[in-house]
Amino acid sequence: MTGAIGNLQVNSARVVQNLRSLAQLSACPDPPPAVTRVVFTQQDREARQFLADLYDDVGLAVRVDSVGNVFARWSGTEPSLPAVGTGSHTDAIPFSGMYDGTVGVLGGLEAVRALKQAGFQPRRSIELLMLTSEEPTRFGIGCSGSRALVGQLTDSDGDKLVDDQGMSFNQVRQEFGCEGAVSDCVLGKDYYHAWVELHIEQGPELEEQGIPIGIVTAIAAPATLLVKIQGQGGHAGAVLMPRRHDALCAASECVLAIERLAKESQSPDFVATVGELQVYPGAVNSIPSRVQFSIDLRDIDLGNRDRIKQDIETMVKQIGSRRGVDTETQTLNADPPAIASQHVLDAAKRACEESGLDYRCMVSRAYHDSLFLARITPMAMLFIPCRAGVSHRPDEYSSEQQIGRGVEVLARTLADLASS
């Protein structure tokens, strides 16, 4: 099947140049590599036009759905068959880097271009997908485009999700030009034959071990909690310590207890993070009366994650009761893990062998759009190293050689799957 593309030539320099050009389309006041590109902004619009011009150059048929997901298709000889999909996202959190997500979109485009130039003709169509808003920057929920594709983002959700200006997801997407209901974009389980996403690792393991390709066998399940603590404020000098019901002290004890529970977990893949903490009134001479903080929990073992989630909720109540403060814990989302499909993993392994590249099978502790696409199609991911494992920072970096290797393996994997 893939023997017909032994002359595959990947132009990695072109991918890097496209990445640099895309990084220029940023709201960040600093020059690239610092990138800020939030969904449904002018920079997002410019990025989409940049990609549209590239798709046209390669001769792909493009459509955009009701939440802004962009599909660019290379028709196969049997276009009625379920397609093989690849892609990622191009939105970027404030002051981030130029490789997260974008390598999967521009690398996927180069994979298609290289296969075309090698004379390969797919039996199944190959579709490159740019997914809307993988990052939760604007509306507080990640992977909104892929959630919508699998029916996990509803029209009602689109009304409830709001940005800092009070604009709902539905209002903003419609003003951006994405017409129709959110439910219009749901894909059936027979739409894709398989899905493969290329991504930087966002961790240090591949680089530390000198391995060029990671094959992702599972994606950890994220859960997000919001904890609100109501204590009693007062003058920092006038209220003596025995009389205090300090919301921040209670929150601090909770944070340390969450860290302890995570370290004691029996699952080596479990992680817990408190990444946001808001204190009211926020004055140096005022006892904190109200605190709100978020908790991010992840594991590929769903049972373990949910057990610790319950332990955290119990612990927050106990600390609140002991300290004389009121507590409330909300679950914002609790998604299941995704397990890669064996036939997609096998295709990726064959592609590595054909390319003469070592690989390592590994777990993704960061979550990606592939987590949701796994609900409607067999899935796997390909990781390439990134320097020091750094991501979501301007110094995020993957070399031209590393990108080129990832694109080659992606191209051979797509060819294998599209020939079946």
Protein backbone atom coordinates (compact mmCIF):
# COMPACT_ATOMS: atom_id res chain seq x y z
CA MET A 1 0.00 0.00 0.00
CA THR A 2 2.62 2.56 1.05
CA GLY A 3 5.38 1.07 -1.06
CA ALA A 4 4.20 3.27 -3.93
CA ILE A 5 5.45 6.34 -2.08
CA GLY A 6 9.05 5.36 -1.54
CA ASN A 7 10.02 8.63 -3.26
CA LEU A 8 8.17 10.73 -0.69
CA GLN A 9 9.82 14.14 -0.31
CA VAL A 10 8.77 16.42 2.57
CA ASN A 11 9.66 20.09 2.26
CA SER A 12 10.23 20.83 5.93
CA ALA A 13 11.62 24.29 5.16
CA ARG A 14 8.25 25.21 3.61
CA VAL A 15 6.43 24.07 6.76
CA VAL A 16 8.68 26.20 8.96
CA GLN A 17 8.24 29.21 6.69
CA ASN A 18 4.48 28.79 6.82
CA LEU A 19 4.64 28.50 10.61
CA ARG A 20 6.57 31.76 10.78
CA SER A 21 4.14 33.50 8.46
CA LEU A 22 1.18 32.30 10.52
CA ALA A 23 2.89 33.51 13.72
CA GLN A 24 2.88 37.03 12.30
CA LEU A 25 -0.94 36.99 12.48
CA SER A 26 -1.02 37.73 16.17
CA ALA A 27 -2.51 40.22 18.61
CA CYS A 28 0.60 39.98 20.78
CA PRO A 29 2.43 43.31 20.98
CA ASP A 30 5.74 41.47 21.06
CA PRO A 31 7.10 40.16 17.75
CA PRO A 32 7.08 36.41 17.03
CA PRO A 33 7.75 33.88 18.37
CA ALA A 34 5.31 35.26 20.98
CA VAL A 35 1.83 34.59 19.60
CA THR A 36 -1.68 35.58 20.71
CA ARG A 37 -4.49 34.41 18.42
CA VAL A 38 -7.87 34.01 20.07
CA VAL A 39 -10.86 32.43 18.33
CA PHE A 40 -13.23 34.66 16.33
CA THR A 41 -10.92 37.69 16.42
CA GLN A 42 -9.43 39.61 13.52
CA GLN A 43 -6.22 37.60 13.87
CA ASP A 44 -8.21 34.38 13.68
CA ARG A 45 -9.91 35.64 10.52
CA GLU A 46 -6.55 36.51 8.95
CA ALA A 47 -5.14 33.10 9.86
CA ARG A 48 -8.10 31.36 8.25
CA GLN A 49 -7.60 33.35 5.04
CA PHE A 50 -3.90 32.49 5.07
CA LEU A 51 -4.78 28.81 5.29
CA ALA A 52 -7.50 29.12 2.64
CA ASP A 53 -4.92 30.44 0.17
CA LEU A 54 -2.63 27.50 0.93
CA TYR A 55 -5.48 25.01 0.52
CA ASP A 56 -6.28 26.54 -2.86
CA ASP A 57 -2.66 26.17 -3.96
CA VAL A 58 -2.78 22.46 -3.15
CA GLY A 59 -6.15 22.00 -4.85
CA LEU A 60 -8.23 21.01 -1.84
CA ALA A 61 -12.00 21.41 -1.64
CA VAL A 62 -12.91 23.54 1.39
CA ARG A 63 -16.02 23.84 3.52
CA VAL A 64 -16.68 25.58 6.85
CA ASP A 65 -19.26 24.36 9.35
CA SER A 66 -21.51 26.28 11.74
CA VAL A 67 -18.90 26.63 14.51
CA GLY A 68 -16.05 27.53 12.17
CA ASN A 69 -14.32 24.17 11.76
CA VAL A 70 -12.58 24.22 8.36
CA PHE A 71 -12.49 21.02 6.26
CA ALA A 72 -10.05 20.79 3.33
CA ARG A 73 -10.52 17.57 1.34
CA TRP A 74 -8.44 15.65 -1.17
CA SER A 75 -10.92 13.34 -2.87
CA GLY A 76 -10.02 9.69 -3.18
CA THR A 77 -10.84 7.28 -5.97
CA GLU A 78 -13.79 6.04 -3.89
CA PRO A 79 -15.07 9.29 -2.34
CA SER A 80 -18.18 7.65 -0.89
CA LEU A 81 -16.04 5.73 1.60
CA PRO A 82 -15.44 7.19 5.07
CA ALA A 83 -12.46 9.53 4.85
CA VAL A 84 -9.16 9.59 6.71
CA GLY A 85 -8.81 12.74 8.79
CA THR A 86 -5.90 14.72 10.14
CA GLY A 87 -5.40 18.22 11.49
CA SER A 88 -5.36 20.26 14.69
CA HIS A 89 -5.94 23.91 15.70
CA THR A 90 -4.45 27.33 15.00
CA ASP A 91 -5.81 29.40 17.90
CA ALA A 92 -3.17 30.33 20.47
CA ILE A 93 -3.41 31.39 24.10
CA PRO A 94 -1.97 34.84 24.94
CA PHE A 95 1.84 35.07 24.72
CA SER A 96 2.27 31.48 23.63
CA GLY A 97 4.42 29.89 20.94
CA MET A 98 4.13 29.17 17.23
CA TYR A 99 4.07 25.34 17.15
CA ASP A 100 1.20 24.19 19.38
CA GLY A 101 -1.60 22.95 17.09
CA THR A 102 -0.22 24.73 14.05
CA VAL A 103 2.27 21.92 13.33
CA GLY A 104 -0.70 19.57 12.97
CA VAL A 105 -2.47 21.84 10.48
CA LEU A 106 0.48 23.03 8.37
CA GLY A 107 2.25 19.70 8.77
CA GLY A 108 -0.92 17.93 7.66
CA LEU A 109 -1.06 20.17 4.61
CA GLU A 110 2.56 19.37 3.75
CA ALA A 111 1.83 15.66 4.17
CA VAL A 112 -0.95 15.93 1.59
CA ARG A 113 1.23 17.99 -0.74
CA ALA A 114 4.10 15.48 -0.47
CA LEU A 115 1.80 12.54 -1.20
CA LYS A 116 0.38 14.34 -4.23
CA GLN A 117 3.83 15.17 -5.56
CA ALA A 118 4.91 11.54 -5.07
CA GLY A 119 2.06 10.46 -7.35
CA PHE A 120 0.08 8.73 -4.62
CA GLN A 121 -3.66 8.46 -5.20
CA PRO A 122 -5.74 7.66 -2.12
CA ARG A 123 -8.63 5.25 -2.26
CA ARG A 124 -10.32 7.02 0.65
CA SER A 125 -10.45 10.80 0.69
CA ILE A 126 -7.96 12.50 2.98
CA GLU A 127 -9.35 15.46 4.90
CA LEU A 128 -7.38 18.16 6.68
CA LEU A 129 -9.33 19.73 9.52
CA MET A 130 -8.61 23.04 11.28
CA LEU A 131 -10.60 22.83 14.49
CA THR A 132 -12.15 25.87 16.15
CA SER A 133 -10.93 26.98 19.56
CA GLU A 134 -9.00 24.07 21.00
CA GLU A 135 -7.81 26.51 23.65
CA PRO A 136 -10.29 27.63 26.36
CA THR A 137 -9.04 31.23 26.26
CA ARG A 138 -12.19 33.07 25.23
CA PHE A 139 -15.16 31.02 26.40
CA GLY A 140 -13.65 29.00 29.24
CA ILE A 141 -14.01 25.62 27.55
CA GLY A 142 -11.47 23.88 25.37
CA CYS A 143 -11.97 21.90 22.17
CA SER A 144 -15.24 23.62 21.32
CA GLY A 145 -14.97 22.70 17.62
CA SER A 146 -14.34 19.00 18.20
CA ARG A 147 -16.91 18.88 21.01
CA ALA A 148 -19.48 20.21 18.54
CA LEU A 149 -18.51 17.62 15.91
CA VAL A 150 -19.31 14.78 18.29
CA GLY A 151 -22.45 16.35 19.78
CA GLN A 152 -20.88 17.36 23.09
CA LEU A 153 -21.41 21.09 22.50
CA THR A 154 -25.09 21.95 22.09
CA ASP A 155 -26.99 25.00 20.91
CA SER A 156 -27.89 25.64 24.55
CA ASP A 157 -24.20 25.53 25.51
CA GLY A 158 -23.52 28.06 22.78
CA ASP A 159 -25.89 30.49 24.49
CA LYS A 160 -24.48 29.88 27.99
CA LEU A 161 -20.77 30.15 27.18
CA VAL A 162 -19.77 33.82 27.36
CA ASP A 163 -16.55 35.78 27.00
CA ASP A 164 -15.23 38.60 29.20
CA GLN A 165 -17.40 41.09 27.32
CA GLY A 166 -20.58 39.13 28.04
CA MET A 167 -20.90 37.96 24.42
CA SER A 168 -22.09 34.37 24.00
CA PHE A 169 -20.36 31.78 21.84
CA ASN A 170 -23.38 31.79 19.52
CA GLN A 171 -23.42 35.58 19.19
CA VAL A 172 -19.72 35.79 18.46
CA ARG A 173 -19.58 32.92 15.96
CA GLN A 174 -22.58 34.29 14.05
CA GLU A 175 -21.08 37.76 13.88
CA PHE A 176 -17.91 36.09 12.61
CA GLY A 177 -19.93 34.59 9.75
CA CYS A 178 -20.57 31.06 11.01
CA GLU A 179 -24.25 30.54 10.28
CA GLY A 180 -26.62 27.78 11.36
CA ALA A 181 -27.14 25.85 14.56
CA VAL A 182 -24.33 24.26 16.53
CA SER A 183 -26.04 20.91 16.05
CA ASP A 184 -25.71 21.26 12.26
CA CYS A 185 -22.05 20.31 12.40
CA VAL A 186 -22.39 16.95 14.18
CA LEU A 187 -20.60 14.18 12.26
CA GLY A 188 -21.83 10.60 12.13
CA LYS A 189 -19.68 7.66 13.24
CA ASP A 190 -19.25 6.64 9.61
CA TYR A 191 -17.80 10.00 8.52
CA TYR A 192 -14.17 9.11 9.24
CA HIS A 193 -12.44 5.78 8.78
CA ALA A 194 -9.59 6.97 11.03
CA TRP A 195 -8.09 10.12 12.53
CA VAL A 196 -4.40 10.95 13.11
CA GLU A 197 -3.22 14.21 14.71
CA LEU A 198 0.38 15.44 14.56
CA HIS A 199 1.44 17.57 17.54
CA ILE A 200 4.44 18.70 19.51
CA GLU A 201 4.84 16.62 22.66
CA GLN A 202 4.54 19.53 25.14
CA GLY A 203 6.71 17.47 27.46
CA PRO A 204 10.43 16.53 27.68
CA GLU A 205 10.45 12.77 27.29
CA LEU A 206 11.13 12.38 23.56
CA GLU A 207 13.93 14.94 23.59
CA GLU A 208 15.53 13.50 26.73
CA GLN A 209 15.52 9.99 25.26
CA GLY A 210 16.60 11.07 21.77
CA ILE A 211 13.52 9.52 20.13
CA PRO A 212 12.10 11.36 17.08
CA ILE A 213 8.49 10.11 17.17
CA GLY A 214 5.99 9.43 19.90
CA ILE A 215 2.95 7.31 19.11
CA VAL A 216 0.13 8.21 21.48
CA THR A 217 -1.79 5.24 22.83
CA ALA A 218 -4.08 7.14 25.22
CA ILE A 219 -5.08 10.70 26.12
CA ALA A 220 -5.64 11.50 29.78
CA ALA A 221 -9.15 12.42 30.85
CA PRO A 222 -9.50 16.00 32.08
CA ALA A 223 -11.88 17.17 34.78
CA THR A 224 -12.21 20.81 35.87
CA LEU A 225 -13.58 21.88 39.23
CA LEU A 226 -14.41 25.34 40.55
CA VAL A 227 -14.23 25.89 44.31
CA LYS A 228 -15.84 28.91 46.01
CA ILE A 229 -15.08 29.73 49.65
CA GLN A 230 -17.01 32.36 51.63
CA GLY A 231 -15.44 33.51 54.88
CA GLN A 232 -15.63 36.71 56.91
CA GLY A 233 -13.71 39.82 55.97
CA GLY A 234 -12.51 42.50 58.29
CA HIS A 235 -9.77 44.94 59.17
CA ALA A 236 -6.36 43.26 59.14
CA GLY A 237 -5.38 45.02 62.36
CA ALA A 238 -8.62 44.93 64.30
CA VAL A 239 -9.68 41.25 64.11
CA LEU A 240 -7.56 39.01 66.34
CA MET A 241 -6.44 35.62 65.02
CA PRO A 242 -8.77 33.41 67.13
CA ARG A 243 -11.81 35.24 65.70
CA ARG A 244 -10.85 34.96 62.05
CA HIS A 245 -12.57 32.98 59.32
CA ASP A 246 -10.09 33.76 56.55
CA ALA A 247 -11.21 32.45 53.16
CA LEU A 248 -7.68 32.55 51.75
CA CYS A 249 -6.21 30.51 54.60
CA ALA A 250 -8.91 27.88 54.00
CA ALA A 251 -8.19 27.92 50.27
CA SER A 252 -4.45 27.60 50.90
CA GLU A 253 -5.01 24.52 53.04
CA CYS A 254 -7.19 23.06 50.29
CA VAL A 255 -4.52 23.65 47.64
CA LEU A 256 -1.85 21.87 49.68
CA ALA A 257 -4.24 18.99 50.40
CA ILE A 258 -4.94 18.65 46.66
CA GLU A 259 -1.20 18.41 46.02
CA ARG A 260 -0.89 15.73 48.71
CA LEU A 261 -3.75 13.67 47.28
CA ALA A 262 -2.17 13.86 43.83
CA LYS A 263 1.23 12.73 45.08
CA GLU A 264 -0.35 9.83 46.96
CA SER A 265 -2.25 8.62 43.88
CA GLN A 266 -1.68 5.02 42.87
CA SER A 267 -1.79 6.01 39.20
CA PRO A 268 1.54 7.35 37.87
CA ASP A 269 -0.31 9.36 35.23
CA PHE A 270 -2.54 11.30 37.63
CA VAL A 271 -1.88 15.04 37.94
CA ALA A 272 -3.71 17.85 39.73
CA THR A 273 -3.20 21.59 39.24
CA VAL A 274 -4.62 24.71 40.85
CA GLY A 275 -3.90 27.31 38.19
CA GLU A 276 -6.29 30.14 39.09
CA LEU A 277 -7.00 31.81 42.42
CA GLN A 278 -9.08 34.95 42.91
CA VAL A 279 -9.13 36.77 46.26
CA TYR A 280 -11.69 39.36 47.37
CA PRO A 281 -11.32 42.20 48.24
CA GLY A 282 -7.63 41.87 47.42
CA ALA A 283 -6.30 44.58 49.74
CA VAL A 284 -3.14 44.31 51.84
CA ASN A 285 -4.90 45.43 55.01
CA SER A 286 -8.15 43.46 54.60
CA ILE A 287 -8.84 39.87 55.65
CA PRO A 288 -9.90 37.89 52.56
CA SER A 289 -13.64 37.28 52.72
CA ARG A 290 -14.11 35.36 49.49
CA VAL A 291 -11.86 33.13 47.37
CA GLN A 292 -12.45 31.20 44.16
CA PHE A 293 -10.01 28.75 42.59
CA SER A 294 -9.97 26.18 39.80
CA ILE A 295 -8.70 22.60 39.86
CA ASP A 296 -7.52 20.66 36.81
CA LEU A 297 -7.42 16.86 37.24
CA ARG A 298 -6.13 14.42 34.62
CA ASP A 299 -5.55 10.68 34.34
CA ILE A 300 -5.94 7.90 31.80
CA ASP A 301 -7.46 5.85 34.64
CA LEU A 302 -10.98 7.27 34.80
CA GLY A 303 -11.85 5.42 38.01
CA ASN A 304 -8.79 6.77 39.81
CA ARG A 305 -9.42 10.32 38.62
CA ASP A 306 -13.03 10.25 39.76
CA ARG A 307 -12.11 8.72 43.14
CA ILE A 308 -9.63 11.51 43.82
CA LYS A 309 -12.16 14.05 42.54
CA GLN A 310 -14.59 12.80 45.18
CA ASP A 311 -11.86 12.85 47.83
CA ILE A 312 -11.11 16.49 46.95
CA GLU A 313 -14.77 17.47 47.22
CA THR A 314 -14.99 15.79 50.65
CA MET A 315 -11.75 17.38 51.79
CA VAL A 316 -12.91 20.88 50.80
CA LYS A 317 -16.08 20.44 52.88
CA GLN A 318 -14.08 19.20 55.88
CA ILE A 319 -11.62 22.09 55.78
CA GLY A 320 -14.45 24.57 55.37
CA SER A 321 -16.32 23.12 58.34
CA ARG A 322 -13.25 23.13 60.57
CA ARG A 323 -12.35 26.70 59.66
CA GLY A 324 -15.90 28.04 59.87
CA VAL A 325 -16.24 29.06 56.21
CA ASP A 326 -18.82 28.10 53.59
CA THR A 327 -17.63 26.08 50.59
CA GLU A 328 -19.10 25.12 47.23
CA THR A 329 -17.50 22.85 44.63
CA GLN A 330 -18.77 22.78 41.04
CA THR A 331 -17.78 20.34 38.30
CA LEU A 332 -17.32 22.35 35.10
CA ASN A 333 -16.43 19.35 32.94
CA ALA A 334 -15.40 15.73 33.44
CA ASP A 335 -14.45 14.09 30.15
CA PRO A 336 -13.56 10.41 29.70
CA PRO A 337 -10.09 9.37 28.52
CA ALA A 338 -9.47 8.33 24.93
CA ILE A 339 -7.75 5.11 23.96
CA ALA A 340 -6.10 4.89 20.54
CA SER A 341 -7.27 2.23 18.09
CA GLN A 342 -4.96 -0.64 17.28
CA HIS A 343 -5.24 -0.47 13.49
CA VAL A 344 -4.34 3.24 13.52
CA LEU A 345 -1.43 2.56 15.89
CA ASP A 346 -0.25 -0.23 13.59
CA ALA A 347 -0.31 2.10 10.59
CA ALA A 348 1.74 4.67 12.51
CA LYS A 349 4.28 2.04 13.54
CA ARG A 350 4.64 0.83 9.94
CA ALA A 351 5.14 4.43 8.85
CA CYS A 352 7.96 4.88 11.37
CA GLU A 353 9.61 1.68 10.18
CA GLU A 354 9.34 2.72 6.52
CA SER A 355 10.86 6.08 7.42
CA GLY A 356 13.68 4.42 9.36
CA LEU A 357 12.76 6.26 12.57
CA ASP A 358 12.67 5.04 16.15
CA TYR A 359 9.46 5.61 18.05
CA ARG A 360 8.09 5.32 21.55
CA CYS A 361 4.52 4.50 22.53
CA MET A 362 3.37 6.99 25.15
CA VAL A 363 0.46 8.64 26.94
CA SER A 364 -0.61 12.23 26.32
CA ARG A 365 -1.27 14.00 29.60
CA ALA A 366 -2.25 17.15 27.73
CA TYR A 367 -5.63 16.84 26.07
CA HIS A 368 -6.30 17.52 22.43
CA ASP A 369 -9.16 17.58 19.93
CA SER A 370 -8.36 13.91 19.29
CA LEU A 371 -9.81 13.15 22.72
CA PHE A 372 -13.26 14.02 21.38
CA LEU A 373 -12.86 12.75 17.83
CA ALA A 374 -12.09 9.35 19.37
CA ARG A 375 -15.81 9.18 20.20
CA ILE A 376 -16.74 8.90 16.52
CA THR A 377 -13.68 7.38 14.84
CA PRO A 378 -10.61 5.23 15.49
CA MET A 379 -7.83 7.57 16.57
CA ALA A 380 -4.12 7.93 17.28
CA MET A 381 -1.70 10.82 17.62
CA LEU A 382 1.89 11.42 16.58
CA PHE A 383 4.19 13.48 18.79
CA ILE A 384 7.44 15.17 17.82
CA PRO A 385 9.94 16.50 20.37
CA CYS A 386 9.88 20.09 21.57
CA ARG A 387 12.85 21.75 23.21
CA ALA A 388 12.97 21.12 26.98
CA GLY A 389 9.31 20.11 26.83
CA VAL A 390 8.31 23.79 26.83
CA SER A 391 4.89 24.76 25.48
CA HIS A 392 2.37 27.60 25.89
CA ARG A 393 5.35 29.98 26.07
CA PRO A 394 7.08 32.11 23.43
CA ASP A 395 10.21 29.92 23.63
CA GLU A 396 8.25 26.84 22.53
CA TYR A 397 10.34 25.27 19.75
CA SER A 398 10.66 22.26 17.50
CA SER A 399 13.38 22.07 14.87
CA GLU A 400 12.91 21.86 11.12
CA GLN A 401 14.33 18.34 11.14
CA GLN A 402 11.97 17.21 13.91
CA ILE A 403 8.99 18.70 12.09
CA GLY A 404 10.04 17.12 8.80
CA ARG A 405 10.28 13.68 10.38
CA GLY A 406 6.84 14.06 11.92
CA VAL A 407 5.33 15.11 8.61
CA GLU A 408 6.89 12.16 6.81
CA VAL A 409 5.51 9.68 9.33
CA LEU A 410 2.12 11.40 9.16
CA ALA A 411 2.10 11.22 5.35
CA ARG A 412 2.93 7.51 5.32
CA THR A 413 0.33 6.82 8.01
CA LEU A 414 -2.35 8.67 6.04
CA ALA A 415 -1.41 6.84 2.86
CA ASP A 416 -1.63 3.49 4.63
CA LEU A 417 -5.04 4.25 6.13
CA ALA A 418 -6.39 5.83 2.96
CA SER A 419 -5.42 2.74 0.95
CA SER A 420 -7.32 0.29 3.16
